[in-house]
């Protein structure tokens, strides 16, 4: 069936199970806002500023584990999302940012409220799109949700010219995603797992450092099982708070610049650090060369780019 681009956006959001979105209307996205009343399942929360929309979407994603949706118009509306998109990127939050763009004939001509938002957000999104034809819309949204919510989660921006919102196209929502260049690694290498187990068995003063990755993957039980089976104290990063019960006898609280002195002392004296879903950022490590000087390092993370980035790792 033929639908407008705006209807295809709404249908795609419904297909992905979206129930709430956060936004602020403007000229380039008016066709989308005109269409929203046709879809009562999509609850729209009107904010007072676009930055509020993206932070609300980020908060929704953190609280639910589902993609948070925000919407803004072109130009200043889109640029007002940048801080929140960067925050979601650094904290691995699945956010879909929908932005309006000037009509296709005006792109590249410095028209009223034209901004290259895909170029601006390239370093702070997991991926972004500009949709130049309505018949690409369903595929783009299917891919956007897949990219944002799988592997290491992150924000995806979809930029849509105003005239694409009103252009008609056949609507077919893809059942599968075909992205040959995007294959998140979901299982640990068996040989490395055995090496890690050997180090754990031999360690006399091991500690676990649990980060936000534990929360994102809902690996609470697995973390607790490991800690209790091997009797290893658990320390958390700031974003890892909540991944392990703080009233547990093995909990040592938060480490780092703003953490507990005894947690930092435990890391300093450890002979093995098992880092789970954390990136060894400077708030946790301070001077990297002096971090856990007596320890071998086991680093478990879904993003290979994080392993060895800030700290030498013995078992990746």
C-alpha atoms as a PDB file:
ATOM      1  CA  UNK A   1       0.000   0.000   0.000  1.00  0.00           C
ATOM      2  CA  UNK A   2       1.139   3.561  -0.696  1.00  0.00           C
ATOM      3  CA  UNK A   3       1.839   5.817   2.275  1.00  0.00           C
ATOM      4  CA  UNK A   4       3.500   9.157   2.717  1.00  0.00           C
ATOM      5  CA  UNK A   5       6.996   9.280   4.133  1.00  0.00           C
ATOM      6  CA  UNK A   6       5.591  10.603   7.415  1.00  0.00           C
ATOM      7  CA  UNK A   7       3.146   7.693   7.614  1.00  0.00           C
ATOM      8  CA  UNK A   8       5.976   5.271   6.905  1.00  0.00           C
ATOM      9  CA  UNK A   9       7.931   6.761   9.811  1.00  0.00           C
ATOM     10  CA  UNK A  10       4.934   6.262  12.103  1.00  0.00           C
ATOM     11  CA  UNK A  11       4.268   2.737  10.824  1.00  0.00           C
ATOM     12  CA  UNK A  12       7.936   1.872  11.361  1.00  0.00           C
ATOM     13  CA  UNK A  13       7.831   3.165  14.930  1.00  0.00           C
ATOM     14  CA  UNK A  14       4.698   1.111  15.598  1.00  0.00           C
ATOM     15  CA  UNK A  15       6.349  -1.998  14.107  1.00  0.00           C
ATOM     16  CA  UNK A  16       9.278  -1.499  16.489  1.00  0.00           C
ATOM     17  CA  UNK A  17       6.936  -1.334  19.471  1.00  0.00           C
ATOM     18  CA  UNK A  18       7.489   2.345  20.228  1.00  0.00           C
ATOM     19  CA  UNK A  19       4.960   3.692  22.717  1.00  0.00           C
ATOM     20  CA  UNK A  20       6.349   7.107  23.614  1.00  0.00           C
ATOM     21  CA  UNK A  21       8.565   9.703  21.973  1.00  0.00           C
ATOM     22  CA  UNK A  22       9.848  13.138  22.961  1.00  0.00           C
ATOM     23  CA  UNK A  23      10.013  16.126  20.653  1.00  0.00           C
ATOM     24  CA  UNK A  24       9.550  19.742  19.730  1.00  0.00           C
ATOM     25  CA  UNK A  25       7.923  20.654  16.375  1.00  0.00           C
ATOM     26  CA  UNK A  26       9.204  23.032  13.716  1.00  0.00           C
ATOM     27  CA  UNK A  27       8.803  23.800  10.032  1.00  0.00           C
ATOM     28  CA  UNK A  28      10.694  20.887   8.496  1.00  0.00           C
ATOM     29  CA  UNK A  29       8.945  18.250  10.610  1.00  0.00           C
ATOM     30  CA  UNK A  30       5.408  19.663  10.421  1.00  0.00           C
ATOM     31  CA  UNK A  31       4.293  16.943   7.946  1.00  0.00           C
ATOM     32  CA  UNK A  32       5.338  14.350  10.531  1.00  0.00           C
ATOM     33  CA  UNK A  33       3.484  16.145  13.324  1.00  0.00           C
ATOM     34  CA  UNK A  34       0.423  16.499  11.083  1.00  0.00           C
ATOM     35  CA  UNK A  35       0.471  12.703  10.681  1.00  0.00           C
ATOM     36  CA  UNK A  36       0.963  11.758  14.341  1.00  0.00           C
ATOM     37  CA  UNK A  37      -2.756  12.060  15.313  1.00  0.00           C
ATOM     38  CA  UNK A  38      -3.454   9.144  12.931  1.00  0.00           C
ATOM     39  CA  UNK A  39      -1.396   6.944  15.277  1.00  0.00           C
ATOM     40  CA  UNK A  40      -2.813   7.182  18.817  1.00  0.00           C
ATOM     41  CA  UNK A  41      -0.474   4.377  19.925  1.00  0.00           C
ATOM     42  CA  UNK A  42       2.449   6.794  19.548  1.00  0.00           C
ATOM     43  CA  UNK A  43       2.330   9.019  22.611  1.00  0.00           C
ATOM     44  CA  UNK A  44       4.227  12.235  22.005  1.00  0.00           C
ATOM     45  CA  UNK A  45       5.653  14.191  24.943  1.00  0.00           C
ATOM     46  CA  UNK A  46       6.092  17.870  24.090  1.00  0.00           C
ATOM     47  CA  UNK A  47       9.239  19.317  25.648  1.00  0.00           C
ATOM     48  CA  UNK A  48      10.218  22.972  26.056  1.00  0.00           C
ATOM     49  CA  UNK A  49      13.580  22.596  24.315  1.00  0.00           C
ATOM     50  CA  UNK A  50      15.030  19.972  21.967  1.00  0.00           C
ATOM     51  CA  UNK A  51      17.819  19.158  24.393  1.00  0.00           C
ATOM     52  CA  UNK A  52      15.128  18.110  26.851  1.00  0.00           C
ATOM     53  CA  UNK A  53      13.778  15.703  24.222  1.00  0.00           C
ATOM     54  CA  UNK A  54      17.064  13.896  23.646  1.00  0.00           C
ATOM     55  CA  UNK A  55      17.893  13.697  27.366  1.00  0.00           C
ATOM     56  CA  UNK A  56      14.396  12.302  28.019  1.00  0.00           C
ATOM     57  CA  UNK A  57      14.885   9.736  25.249  1.00  0.00           C
ATOM     58  CA  UNK A  58      18.248   8.814  26.773  1.00  0.00           C
ATOM     59  CA  UNK A  59      16.699   8.450  30.225  1.00  0.00           C
ATOM     60  CA  UNK A  60      13.878   6.325  28.818  1.00  0.00           C
ATOM     61  CA  UNK A  61      16.436   4.067  27.126  1.00  0.00           C
ATOM     62  CA  UNK A  62      18.426   3.655  30.331  1.00  0.00           C
ATOM     63  CA  UNK A  63      15.335   2.880  32.390  1.00  0.00           C
ATOM     64  CA  UNK A  64      13.734   0.426  29.950  1.00  0.00           C
ATOM     65  CA  UNK A  65      16.572  -0.996  27.860  1.00  0.00           C
ATOM     66  CA  UNK A  66      14.564  -0.065  24.754  1.00  0.00           C
ATOM     67  CA  UNK A  67      15.380   2.575  22.169  1.00  0.00           C
ATOM     68  CA  UNK A  68      14.416   6.097  23.196  1.00  0.00           C
ATOM     69  CA  UNK A  69      12.970   8.290  20.428  1.00  0.00           C
ATOM     70  CA  UNK A  70      13.335  12.038  20.045  1.00  0.00           C
ATOM     71  CA  UNK A  71      12.336  14.395  17.254  1.00  0.00           C
ATOM     72  CA  UNK A  72      13.436  17.895  16.224  1.00  0.00           C
ATOM     73  CA  UNK A  73      13.222  20.170  13.236  1.00  0.00           C
ATOM     74  CA  UNK A  74      16.097  21.216  10.981  1.00  0.00           C
ATOM     75  CA  UNK A  75      18.856  23.711  11.752  1.00  0.00           C
ATOM     76  CA  UNK A  76      18.808  24.891  15.377  1.00  0.00           C
ATOM     77  CA  UNK A  77      16.322  22.190  16.327  1.00  0.00           C
ATOM     78  CA  UNK A  78      18.739  19.521  15.178  1.00  0.00           C
ATOM     79  CA  UNK A  79      21.830  21.157  16.665  1.00  0.00           C
ATOM     80  CA  UNK A  80      20.057  21.444  20.020  1.00  0.00           C
ATOM     81  CA  UNK A  81      20.114  17.642  20.125  1.00  0.00           C
ATOM     82  CA  UNK A  82      23.896  17.410  19.842  1.00  0.00           C
ATOM     83  CA  UNK A  83      24.798  17.466  23.558  1.00  0.00           C
ATOM     84  CA  UNK A  84      22.277  14.742  24.388  1.00  0.00           C
ATOM     85  CA  UNK A  85      23.352  12.608  21.417  1.00  0.00           C
ATOM     86  CA  UNK A  86      26.978  12.895  22.559  1.00  0.00           C
ATOM     87  CA  UNK A  87      25.937  11.874  26.074  1.00  0.00           C
ATOM     88  CA  UNK A  88      24.069   8.840  24.751  1.00  0.00           C
ATOM     89  CA  UNK A  89      27.063   7.919  22.608  1.00  0.00           C
ATOM     90  CA  UNK A  90      29.548   8.062  25.483  1.00  0.00           C
ATOM     91  CA  UNK A  91      27.226   6.158  27.833  1.00  0.00           C
ATOM     92  CA  UNK A  92      26.081   3.566  25.260  1.00  0.00           C
ATOM     93  CA  UNK A  93      22.388   4.493  25.234  1.00  0.00           C
ATOM     94  CA  UNK A  94      20.161   3.350  22.339  1.00  0.00           C
ATOM     95  CA  UNK A  95      18.574   6.570  21.086  1.00  0.00           C
ATOM     96  CA  UNK A  96      16.919   7.206  17.699  1.00  0.00           C
ATOM     97  CA  UNK A  97      17.014  10.907  16.824  1.00  0.00           C
ATOM     98  CA  UNK A  98      14.646  11.922  14.012  1.00  0.00           C
ATOM     99  CA  UNK A  99      15.447  15.306  12.501  1.00  0.00           C
ATOM    100  CA  UNK A 100      13.775  17.298   9.774  1.00  0.00           C
ATOM    101  CA  UNK A 101      15.806  18.725   6.926  1.00  0.00           C
ATOM    102  CA  UNK A 102      15.121  21.354   4.269  1.00  0.00           C
ATOM    103  CA  UNK A 103      13.474  20.047   1.102  1.00  0.00           C
ATOM    104  CA  UNK A 104      15.767  18.186  -1.287  1.00  0.00           C
ATOM    105  CA  UNK A 105      16.076  20.991  -3.882  1.00  0.00           C
ATOM    106  CA  UNK A 106      17.475  23.311  -1.187  1.00  0.00           C
ATOM    107  CA  UNK A 107      20.065  20.947   0.307  1.00  0.00           C
ATOM    108  CA  UNK A 108      23.559  22.374  -0.097  1.00  0.00           C
ATOM    109  CA  UNK A 109      22.297  25.883  -0.853  1.00  0.00           C
ATOM    110  CA  UNK A 110      22.372  27.285   2.687  1.00  0.00           C
ATOM    111  CA  UNK A 111      18.614  27.566   2.790  1.00  0.00           C
ATOM    112  CA  UNK A 112      16.686  28.758   5.832  1.00  0.00           C
ATOM    113  CA  UNK A 113      17.576  26.510   8.802  1.00  0.00           C
ATOM    114  CA  UNK A 114      19.680  24.147   6.696  1.00  0.00           C
ATOM    115  CA  UNK A 115      22.389  22.424   8.726  1.00  0.00           C
ATOM    116  CA  UNK A 116      24.430  19.335   7.822  1.00  0.00           C
ATOM    117  CA  UNK A 117      23.344  17.480  10.948  1.00  0.00           C
ATOM    118  CA  UNK A 118      24.569  14.109   9.657  1.00  0.00           C
ATOM    119  CA  UNK A 119      28.042  15.591   9.236  1.00  0.00           C
ATOM    120  CA  UNK A 120      27.918  17.290  12.633  1.00  0.00           C
ATOM    121  CA  UNK A 121      26.873  14.114  14.457  1.00  0.00           C
ATOM    122  CA  UNK A 122      29.105  11.675  12.580  1.00  0.00           C
ATOM    123  CA  UNK A 123      31.625  11.407  15.469  1.00  0.00           C
ATOM    124  CA  UNK A 124      28.934  11.055  18.163  1.00  0.00           C
ATOM    125  CA  UNK A 125      26.520   8.549  16.611  1.00  0.00           C
ATOM    126  CA  UNK A 126      26.858   4.850  16.090  1.00  0.00           C
ATOM    127  CA  UNK A 127      25.511   5.510  12.590  1.00  0.00           C
ATOM    128  CA  UNK A 128      23.386   8.134  10.870  1.00  0.00           C
ATOM    129  CA  UNK A 129      21.259   8.487   7.742  1.00  0.00           C
ATOM    130  CA  UNK A 130      19.789  11.103   5.473  1.00  0.00           C
ATOM    131  CA  UNK A 131      16.737   9.635   3.739  1.00  0.00           C
ATOM    132  CA  UNK A 132      16.508  10.994   0.192  1.00  0.00           C
ATOM    133  CA  UNK A 133      13.557   8.878  -0.986  1.00  0.00           C
ATOM    134  CA  UNK A 134      10.406   7.748   0.812  1.00  0.00           C
ATOM    135  CA  UNK A 135      10.823   4.198  -0.482  1.00  0.00           C
ATOM    136  CA  UNK A 136      14.038   3.919   1.593  1.00  0.00           C
ATOM    137  CA  UNK A 137      12.338   4.966   4.828  1.00  0.00           C
ATOM    138  CA  UNK A 138      11.188   1.583   6.152  1.00  0.00           C
ATOM    139  CA  UNK A 139      14.568  -0.060   5.507  1.00  0.00           C
ATOM    140  CA  UNK A 140      16.405   2.826   7.165  1.00  0.00           C
ATOM    141  CA  UNK A 141      14.284   2.656  10.316  1.00  0.00           C
ATOM    142  CA  UNK A 142      14.597  -1.137  10.493  1.00  0.00           C
ATOM    143  CA  UNK A 143      18.381  -0.763  10.304  1.00  0.00           C
ATOM    144  CA  UNK A 144      18.452   2.180  12.698  1.00  0.00           C
ATOM    145  CA  UNK A 145      16.694   0.256  15.475  1.00  0.00           C
ATOM    146  CA  UNK A 146      18.878  -2.801  14.881  1.00  0.00           C
ATOM    147  CA  UNK A 147      22.106  -0.799  15.037  1.00  0.00           C
ATOM    148  CA  UNK A 148      21.046   1.262  18.053  1.00  0.00           C
ATOM    149  CA  UNK A 149      19.996  -1.697  20.195  1.00  0.00           C
ATOM    150  CA  UNK A 150      22.443  -4.484  19.328  1.00  0.00           C
ATOM    151  CA  UNK A 151      26.100  -4.973  20.163  1.00  0.00           C
ATOM    152  CA  UNK A 152      27.272  -1.953  22.135  1.00  0.00           C
ATOM    153  CA  UNK A 153      24.137   0.229  22.084  1.00  0.00           C
ATOM    154  CA  UNK A 154      24.314   3.800  20.881  1.00  0.00           C
ATOM    155  CA  UNK A 155      22.494   6.664  19.179  1.00  0.00           C
ATOM    156  CA  UNK A 156      21.441   6.647  15.524  1.00  0.00           C
ATOM    157  CA  UNK A 157      20.266   9.808  13.757  1.00  0.00           C
ATOM    158  CA  UNK A 158      17.802   9.766  10.849  1.00  0.00           C
ATOM    159  CA  UNK A 159      17.611  13.042   8.909  1.00  0.00           C
ATOM    160  CA  UNK A 160      14.560  13.461   6.659  1.00  0.00           C
ATOM    161  CA  UNK A 161      14.010  16.303   4.148  1.00  0.00           C
ATOM    162  CA  UNK A 162      10.612  17.971   4.423  1.00  0.00           C
ATOM    163  CA  UNK A 163       9.466  16.900   0.938  1.00  0.00           C
ATOM    164  CA  UNK A 164      10.356  13.254   1.674  1.00  0.00           C
ATOM    165  CA  UNK A 165       7.837  13.331   4.533  1.00  0.00           C
ATOM    166  CA  UNK A 166       5.066  14.077   2.000  1.00  0.00           C
ATOM    167  CA  UNK A 167       6.337  11.877  -0.857  1.00  0.00           C
ATOM    168  CA  UNK A 168       4.382   8.641  -1.328  1.00  0.00           C
ATOM    169  CA  UNK A 169       5.882   5.157  -1.580  1.00  0.00           C
ATOM    170  CA  UNK A 170       4.896   1.527  -1.113  1.00  0.00           C
ATOM    171  CA  UNK A 171       5.279   0.405   2.503  1.00  0.00           C
ATOM    172  CA  UNK A 172       6.933  -2.939   3.229  1.00  0.00           C
ATOM    173  CA  UNK A 173       8.673  -3.278   6.565  1.00  0.00           C
ATOM    174  CA  UNK A 174      11.708  -5.591   6.220  1.00  0.00           C
ATOM    175  CA  UNK A 175      11.586  -8.791   8.233  1.00  0.00           C
ATOM    176  CA  UNK A 176      15.382  -8.989   8.390  1.00  0.00           C
ATOM    177  CA  UNK A 177      18.330  -6.630   8.379  1.00  0.00           C
ATOM    178  CA  UNK A 178      21.152  -7.178   5.910  1.00  0.00           C
ATOM    179  CA  UNK A 179      24.238  -5.301   7.092  1.00  0.00           C
ATOM    180  CA  UNK A 180      27.311  -7.333   6.065  1.00  0.00           C
ATOM    181  CA  UNK A 181      29.699  -4.826   7.651  1.00  0.00           C
ATOM    182  CA  UNK A 182      27.990  -4.886  11.037  1.00  0.00           C
ATOM    183  CA  UNK A 183      28.428  -8.131  12.956  1.00  0.00           C
ATOM    184  CA  UNK A 184      28.696  -7.606  16.728  1.00  0.00           C
ATOM    185  CA  UNK A 185      30.747 -10.241  18.534  1.00  0.00           C
ATOM    186  CA  UNK A 186      28.430 -11.843  21.069  1.00  0.00           C
ATOM    187  CA  UNK A 187      30.482 -14.758  22.418  1.00  0.00           C
ATOM    188  CA  UNK A 188      33.863 -14.853  24.096  1.00  0.00           C
ATOM    189  CA  UNK A 189      36.728 -16.714  22.441  1.00  0.00           C
ATOM    190  CA  UNK A 190      36.945 -20.174  24.115  1.00  0.00           C
ATOM    191  CA  UNK A 191      40.747 -20.093  24.421  1.00  0.00           C
ATOM    192  CA  UNK A 192      40.671 -16.656  26.063  1.00  0.00           C
ATOM    193  CA  UNK A 193      37.911 -17.779  28.423  1.00  0.00           C
ATOM    194  CA  UNK A 194      40.117 -20.696  29.523  1.00  0.00           C
ATOM    195  CA  UNK A 195      43.056 -18.339  30.081  1.00  0.00           C
ATOM    196  CA  UNK A 196      40.852 -16.095  32.201  1.00  0.00           C
ATOM    197  CA  UNK A 197      39.632 -19.062  34.243  1.00  0.00           C
ATOM    198  CA  UNK A 198      43.216 -20.173  34.848  1.00  0.00           C
ATOM    199  CA  UNK A 199      44.197 -16.706  36.088  1.00  0.00           C
ATOM    200  CA  UNK A 200      41.150 -16.606  38.383  1.00  0.00           C
ATOM    201  CA  UNK A 201      42.012 -20.004  39.876  1.00  0.00           C
ATOM    202  CA  UNK A 202      45.597 -18.932  40.521  1.00  0.00           C
ATOM    203  CA  UNK A 203      44.853 -15.448  41.854  1.00  0.00           C
ATOM    204  CA  UNK A 204      45.217 -14.703  45.556  1.00  0.00           C
ATOM    205  CA  UNK A 205      43.854 -11.137  45.592  1.00  0.00           C
ATOM    206  CA  UNK A 206      41.447 -10.855  42.634  1.00  0.00           C
ATOM    207  CA  UNK A 207      38.854  -8.107  42.216  1.00  0.00           C
ATOM    208  CA  UNK A 208      36.008  -7.621  39.755  1.00  0.00           C
ATOM    209  CA  UNK A 209      35.282  -4.154  38.354  1.00  0.00           C
ATOM    210  CA  UNK A 210      31.751  -4.008  36.960  1.00  0.00           C
ATOM    211  CA  UNK A 211      30.669  -1.224  34.611  1.00  0.00           C
ATOM    212  CA  UNK A 212      27.631  -0.102  32.686  1.00  0.00           C
ATOM    213  CA  UNK A 213      27.967  -2.997  30.253  1.00  0.00           C
ATOM    214  CA  UNK A 214      26.781  -5.343  33.002  1.00  0.00           C
ATOM    215  CA  UNK A 215      23.615  -3.262  33.385  1.00  0.00           C
ATOM    216  CA  UNK A 216      23.010  -2.900  29.646  1.00  0.00           C
ATOM    217  CA  UNK A 217      23.256  -6.666  29.155  1.00  0.00           C
ATOM    218  CA  UNK A 218      21.214  -7.381  32.309  1.00  0.00           C
ATOM    219  CA  UNK A 219      24.012  -9.716  33.458  1.00  0.00           C
ATOM    220  CA  UNK A 220      23.270  -9.242  37.159  1.00  0.00           C
ATOM    221  CA  UNK A 221      22.850 -12.926  37.995  1.00  0.00           C
ATOM    222  CA  UNK A 222      25.919 -13.977  36.025  1.00  0.00           C
ATOM    223  CA  UNK A 223      28.046 -11.379  37.839  1.00  0.00           C
ATOM    224  CA  UNK A 224      26.755 -12.462  41.220  1.00  0.00           C
ATOM    225  CA  UNK A 225      27.281 -16.150  40.405  1.00  0.00           C
ATOM    226  CA  UNK A 226      30.894 -15.489  39.392  1.00  0.00           C
ATOM    227  CA  UNK A 227      31.620 -13.371  42.460  1.00  0.00           C
ATOM    228  CA  UNK A 228      30.096 -15.872  44.899  1.00  0.00           C
ATOM    229  CA  UNK A 229      31.528 -18.990  43.265  1.00  0.00           C
ATOM    230  CA  UNK A 230      35.084 -17.612  43.221  1.00  0.00           C
ATOM    231  CA  UNK A 231      34.635 -15.386  46.308  1.00  0.00           C
ATOM    232  CA  UNK A 232      35.880 -12.296  44.486  1.00  0.00           C
ATOM    233  CA  UNK A 233      35.087  -8.792  45.778  1.00  0.00           C
ATOM    234  CA  UNK A 234      33.100  -6.617  43.353  1.00  0.00           C
ATOM    235  CA  UNK A 235      33.833  -2.944  42.717  1.00  0.00           C
ATOM    236  CA  UNK A 236      31.702  -0.816  40.394  1.00  0.00           C
ATOM    237  CA  UNK A 237      32.327   2.172  38.178  1.00  0.00           C
ATOM    238  CA  UNK A 238      30.046   5.194  38.505  1.00  0.00           C
ATOM    239  CA  UNK A 239      27.812   3.954  35.687  1.00  0.00           C
ATOM    240  CA  UNK A 240      28.072   0.402  36.992  1.00  0.00           C
ATOM    241  CA  UNK A 241      26.358   1.255  40.284  1.00  0.00           C
ATOM    242  CA  UNK A 242      23.382  -1.071  40.578  1.00  0.00           C
ATOM    243  CA  UNK A 243      25.028  -3.978  38.783  1.00  0.00           C
ATOM    244  CA  UNK A 244      25.867  -5.629  42.109  1.00  0.00           C
ATOM    245  CA  UNK A 245      24.020  -5.286  45.431  1.00  0.00           C
ATOM    246  CA  UNK A 246      25.900  -2.857  47.648  1.00  0.00           C
ATOM    247  CA  UNK A 247      24.749  -4.638  50.818  1.00  0.00           C
ATOM    248  CA  UNK A 248      26.413  -7.870  49.658  1.00  0.00           C
ATOM    249  CA  UNK A 249      29.400  -8.989  51.734  1.00  0.00           C
ATOM    250  CA  UNK A 250      31.550  -9.001  48.571  1.00  0.00           C
ATOM    251  CA  UNK A 251      30.651  -5.434  47.554  1.00  0.00           C
ATOM    252  CA  UNK A 252      33.409  -2.829  47.840  1.00  0.00           C
ATOM    253  CA  UNK A 253      31.439   0.069  46.348  1.00  0.00           C
ATOM    254  CA  UNK A 254      32.652   2.440  43.657  1.00  0.00           C
ATOM    255  CA  UNK A 255      36.237   3.055  42.608  1.00  0.00           C
ATOM    256  CA  UNK A 256      38.022   5.981  41.048  1.00  0.00           C
ATOM    257  CA  UNK A 257      38.494   9.677  41.593  1.00  0.00           C
ATOM    258  CA  UNK A 258      35.125  10.058  43.351  1.00  0.00           C
ATOM    259  CA  UNK A 259      34.965   6.521  44.731  1.00  0.00           C
ATOM    260  CA  UNK A 260      35.720   4.748  47.976  1.00  0.00           C
ATOM    261  CA  UNK A 261      39.289   4.809  49.306  1.00  0.00           C
ATOM    262  CA  UNK A 262      39.120   1.120  50.212  1.00  0.00           C
ATOM    263  CA  UNK A 263      37.936   0.201  46.700  1.00  0.00           C
ATOM    264  CA  UNK A 264      40.926   2.002  45.201  1.00  0.00           C
ATOM    265  CA  UNK A 265      43.261   0.366  47.727  1.00  0.00           C
ATOM    266  CA  UNK A 266      41.874  -3.055  46.829  1.00  0.00           C
ATOM    267  CA  UNK A 267      42.610  -2.441  43.140  1.00  0.00           C
ATOM    268  CA  UNK A 268      46.081  -1.170  44.019  1.00  0.00           C
ATOM    269  CA  UNK A 269      46.895  -4.392  45.896  1.00  0.00           C
ATOM    270  CA  UNK A 270      45.079  -6.823  43.567  1.00  0.00           C
ATOM    271  CA  UNK A 271      46.996  -9.465  41.631  1.00  0.00           C
ATOM    272  CA  UNK A 272      44.108  -9.892  39.152  1.00  0.00           C
ATOM    273  CA  UNK A 273      41.523  -7.389  37.867  1.00  0.00           C
ATOM    274  CA  UNK A 274      38.506  -8.753  35.999  1.00  0.00           C
ATOM    275  CA  UNK A 275      36.971  -5.765  34.224  1.00  0.00           C
ATOM    276  CA  UNK A 276      33.443  -6.312  32.934  1.00  0.00           C
ATOM    277  CA  UNK A 277      31.697  -3.825  30.640  1.00  0.00           C
ATOM    278  CA  UNK A 278      33.847  -0.832  31.555  1.00  0.00           C
ATOM    279  CA  UNK A 279      36.313   1.217  29.543  1.00  0.00           C
ATOM    280  CA  UNK A 280      39.044   2.182  32.048  1.00  0.00           C
ATOM    281  CA  UNK A 281      38.284   5.879  31.660  1.00  0.00           C
ATOM    282  CA  UNK A 282      40.320   8.472  33.541  1.00  0.00           C
ATOM    283  CA  UNK A 283      37.691   8.948  36.296  1.00  0.00           C
ATOM    284  CA  UNK A 284      38.208   5.287  37.234  1.00  0.00           C
ATOM    285  CA  UNK A 285      41.941   4.881  36.675  1.00  0.00           C
ATOM    286  CA  UNK A 286      43.489   8.358  37.185  1.00  0.00           C
ATOM    287  CA  UNK A 287      47.116   7.867  36.104  1.00  0.00           C
ATOM    288  CA  UNK A 288      46.952   4.780  33.907  1.00  0.00           C
ATOM    289  CA  UNK A 289      50.596   3.845  34.439  1.00  0.00           C
ATOM    290  CA  UNK A 290      49.950   3.500  38.170  1.00  0.00           C
ATOM    291  CA  UNK A 291      46.612   1.670  37.947  1.00  0.00           C
ATOM    292  CA  UNK A 292      46.586  -1.846  39.466  1.00  0.00           C
ATOM    293  CA  UNK A 293      50.395  -2.102  39.261  1.00  0.00           C
ATOM    294  CA  UNK A 294      50.547  -5.672  40.624  1.00  0.00           C
ATOM    295  CA  UNK A 295      47.635  -7.090  38.628  1.00  0.00           C
ATOM    296  CA  UNK A 296      47.073  -9.064  35.489  1.00  0.00           C
ATOM    297  CA  UNK A 297      44.067  -7.697  33.576  1.00  0.00           C
ATOM    298  CA  UNK A 298      41.128  -9.641  32.153  1.00  0.00           C
ATOM    299  CA  UNK A 299      38.866  -7.356  30.115  1.00  0.00           C
ATOM    300  CA  UNK A 300      35.380  -8.477  29.066  1.00  0.00           C
ATOM    301  CA  UNK A 301      33.639  -6.069  26.716  1.00  0.00           C
ATOM    302  CA  UNK A 302      31.298  -6.334  23.724  1.00  0.00           C
ATOM    303  CA  UNK A 303      33.172  -3.562  21.898  1.00  0.00           C
ATOM    304  CA  UNK A 304      36.600  -4.765  20.695  1.00  0.00           C
ATOM    305  CA  UNK A 305      37.709  -1.145  20.259  1.00  0.00           C
ATOM    306  CA  UNK A 306      37.662  -0.665  24.041  1.00  0.00           C
ATOM    307  CA  UNK A 307      40.006  -3.558  24.802  1.00  0.00           C
ATOM    308  CA  UNK A 308      43.567  -2.292  25.068  1.00  0.00           C
ATOM    309  CA  UNK A 309      42.530   1.297  24.281  1.00  0.00           C
ATOM    310  CA  UNK A 310      43.416   2.818  27.649  1.00  0.00           C
ATOM    311  CA  UNK A 311      45.151   0.020  29.524  1.00  0.00           C
ATOM    312  CA  UNK A 312      47.263  -2.986  28.656  1.00  0.00           C
ATOM    313  CA  UNK A 313      45.243  -6.193  28.815  1.00  0.00           C
ATOM    314  CA  UNK A 314      46.548  -9.685  29.498  1.00  0.00           C
ATOM    315  CA  UNK A 315      43.391 -11.568  28.490  1.00  0.00           C
ATOM    316  CA  UNK A 316      40.966  -9.848  26.096  1.00  0.00           C
END
